[in-house]
Amino acid sequence: MALTVLSVVLAVVLYGSLLWTGRQGLRDPSDRMLRAVFLCLLCAGLSFPFGVPAGARLMDGLAGDGAAKLAQNLCLLGTVHFLGCFFIHAASNPATATARVRRQTVPLVATAAVITLAMALTPEVERSHTYATADMREPGVAVFYLMAGAYLTYALTIALVWTVRYARLAGRPLVAGLRMLTAALAGMVLASVVREAATLVRLLGGEVPHPVIVGAKLALDLAIPLFVTGVVWPGLVTRWASIRVWWHHGRVYRELAPLWTELHAAFPEDALERTRSDRWWDGLTPRSVHRRYYRRVIECRDGLVRISPHLALMADTKVPLEPEVAAIHLRTALRAYAAGEEAPSQAVPVALPDGDGGLEDDVRQLTRMSEALAASRA
């Protein structure tokens, strides 16, 4: 049950990250590192269904026994290949990176061709096996596992070396993802070496203790989710930070409603131009929420500047008005403005930021005033 839940969570994270990197890649097709990450996740995403019993049965039913196993291994080869491509592009200039990627493609294509041929030459009765039950004395089976394992060990070792080097230079949140990748790749390399040695022993007619095979499989089962998490971690952290900003802007937008409503009723001409959309979900998109947030902050500040001379008269002061003091006199000042009463033409500071915090500090003062205004109405 726990494994099933983990598989579902892993699938959600994997395919969600795949959609996100695909969208980012469409925005910037020239970003080779992003393209490598997308292809790495794509291969991992394609391999996932073939490792699920229902998906494997469906694939084998359509293309014959062993098709799911072959497809899964081909996708895994692509996954580690494109992970290596990411680090090559990250650490090399474009011309050098392109040449290195081409050289790394040769063993990938050769391995894919050999294991495909090995599976085709394997008798059908021997294709529907697991690693633990496979007859390694069958030439096609032995070649399949030896070649796939050799390439995985080679590619994973290269990726591990690059990951360790890159992790020393990376900053947060990338370094956390690279550390996860380092641990996952180390586990995968260890499991691959053990499985290669076990394959050779079984090919030569020897017996491999069952705990060794189980241990290698367990290492892979633990490393794969950690690997996917490490690949998508920087994107997840970035998305989480964006969601927090989106939520904060939406909350502040609502908190400023009492102040904005009073000022907008008095100065409707100060409203910034807005483009309405017929699609209801556009109002929930991050860009729309951020736009409405900034527009409301600006309109509130503009309205306070215009009403500040009347506020100064109502409060009988020439010093900057605190948000709570300004809130007490705002409605009276607005009525005086609407009635055309005279007031000094010079603006008076109202709800000014306390420190040097920039826009956020200004927004806090406006929010204080809006809350005080809502409390006075209640």
Foldseek 3Di string as FASTA:
>chain_A
DVLVVLLVVLLCLLVVLLVVLVVVCVVPVPPLLSVLLNQLSVLVNQLSLLVDVVSVVVQCVVVNFQRSVLSNLLSNLSNLLSLLLNLLPVVDPPVRSVVVSVVSVVLSVVLNVLLVVLLVPFPRVQRNDDLVPHQLLRPSVLSNLLSSLVSLLVSLVSSLVSLVVVLVVDDPPLNVLSVLQNQLSVLLNVLSVLSNVCSVCSNVPHDDDPVSPVVSVVSNSVSVSSNSCSSCVRVVVVVVVLVVVLVVLQVLLVLLVQLLVLLCVLCVVLQDDDDDDPDPCVCVDSVNSVVSSVRSLVSSVVSLQQLQQLLCVQLVHQAEAQLLSSLVCVVVSSVCVVVVHDGDPHGGHYQDFPDDPPPVSSSVRSSVNSVSNVVVVD
